[in-house]
Amino acid sequence: MTKAKAKTKVKTHKGTKKRFRLSAKGKAMHRSSGTSHLAQALSSKRRRNLRGTTSVHECMERTIHAALAGNSY
C-alpha cells in the first residue's frame, strides 16, 4: 500500500492578519492611515475623524477574506 499524499493547507497571510479584523457581520475593518506621527499638523477635527476603525472598500473585501483564509480573527 502506498501512503496517501497530504493535501496542502491554505495559510493565513500574516501581514493581513496584523492589519485587518473581521467584524461580527464579516466586514473587514482597518485603522485609518495618517495617525502614527506628525499629527500635530492636523486639525483637531481631522484627528478626531481618523480615530477608531473603518470598513474596507467593497472591492477589497474578497481579497482580504482570501488572505485570511476564511478564519475569523
Protein backbone atom coordinates (compact mmCIF):
# COMPACT_ATOMS: atom_id res chain seq x y z
CA MET A 1 0.00 0.00 0.00
CA THR A 2 1.16 3.48 -0.76
CA LYS A 3 0.99 6.37 1.60
CA ALA A 4 -1.77 8.91 0.95
CA LYS A 5 -0.42 12.23 -0.24
CA ALA A 6 -1.10 15.07 2.19
CA LYS A 7 -3.17 17.92 0.85
CA THR A 8 -1.83 21.43 1.12
CA LYS A 9 -3.45 23.76 3.60
CA VAL A 10 -4.48 27.33 2.90
CA LYS A 11 -2.31 29.57 5.03
CA THR A 12 -3.19 32.90 6.58
CA HIS A 13 -1.27 35.91 5.25
CA LYS A 14 0.35 37.22 8.43
CA GLY A 15 0.65 40.84 7.25
CA THR A 16 -3.07 40.93 6.54
CA LYS A 17 -3.82 39.32 9.90
CA LYS A 18 -1.96 42.15 11.69
CA ARG A 19 -3.69 44.95 9.78
CA PHE A 20 -7.28 43.80 9.36
CA ARG A 21 -10.00 42.36 11.59
CA LEU A 22 -13.33 40.88 10.60
CA SER A 23 -16.39 42.38 12.27
CA ALA A 24 -19.21 40.25 13.66
CA LYS A 25 -21.06 40.65 10.36
CA GLY A 26 -17.96 39.66 8.38
CA LYS A 27 -16.85 43.09 7.19
CA ALA A 28 -13.11 43.73 7.07
CA MET A 29 -12.11 46.62 9.33
CA HIS A 30 -8.82 48.56 9.41
CA ARG A 31 -7.26 51.54 11.16
CA SER A 32 -7.21 54.89 9.42
CA SER A 33 -3.90 55.92 7.91
CA GLY A 34 -2.07 59.10 8.85
CA THR A 35 -2.29 58.71 12.63
CA SER A 36 1.09 57.31 13.65
CA HIS A 37 3.15 60.52 13.83
CA LEU A 38 3.21 64.21 12.83
CA ALA A 39 -0.42 64.50 13.91
CA GLN A 40 0.07 67.94 15.48
CA ALA A 41 -0.04 69.43 11.98
CA LEU A 42 -3.61 68.16 11.55
CA SER A 43 -6.65 69.98 12.84
CA SER A 44 -8.47 68.63 15.88
CA LYS A 45 -11.44 67.76 13.70
CA ARG A 46 -9.26 65.77 11.30
CA ARG A 47 -7.55 63.86 14.14
CA ARG A 48 -10.92 63.10 15.72
CA ASN A 49 -12.28 61.73 12.43
CA LEU A 50 -9.22 59.49 11.99
CA ARG A 51 -9.82 57.74 15.33
CA GLY A 52 -11.13 54.21 15.50
CA THR A 53 -11.56 51.74 12.67
CA THR A 54 -13.25 51.98 9.31
CA SER A 55 -14.56 49.33 6.96
CA VAL A 56 -12.60 48.34 3.89
CA HIS A 57 -13.88 49.32 0.46
CA GLU A 58 -16.10 46.62 -1.01
CA CYS A 59 -13.76 45.91 -3.94
CA MET A 60 -11.06 44.74 -1.47
CA GLU A 61 -13.34 42.57 0.72
CA ARG A 62 -12.86 39.34 -1.25
CA THR A 63 -9.07 39.77 -1.39
CA ILE A 64 -8.81 40.25 2.37
CA HIS A 65 -11.10 37.31 3.11
CA ALA A 66 -8.94 35.11 0.87
CA ALA A 67 -5.75 36.31 2.59
CA LEU A 68 -7.26 35.50 5.98
CA ALA A 69 -8.14 32.04 4.60
CA GLY A 70 -11.68 32.07 5.93
CA ASN A 71 -10.57 32.10 9.57
CA SER A 72 -12.22 34.51 11.99
CA TYR A 73 -9.75 36.83 13.69
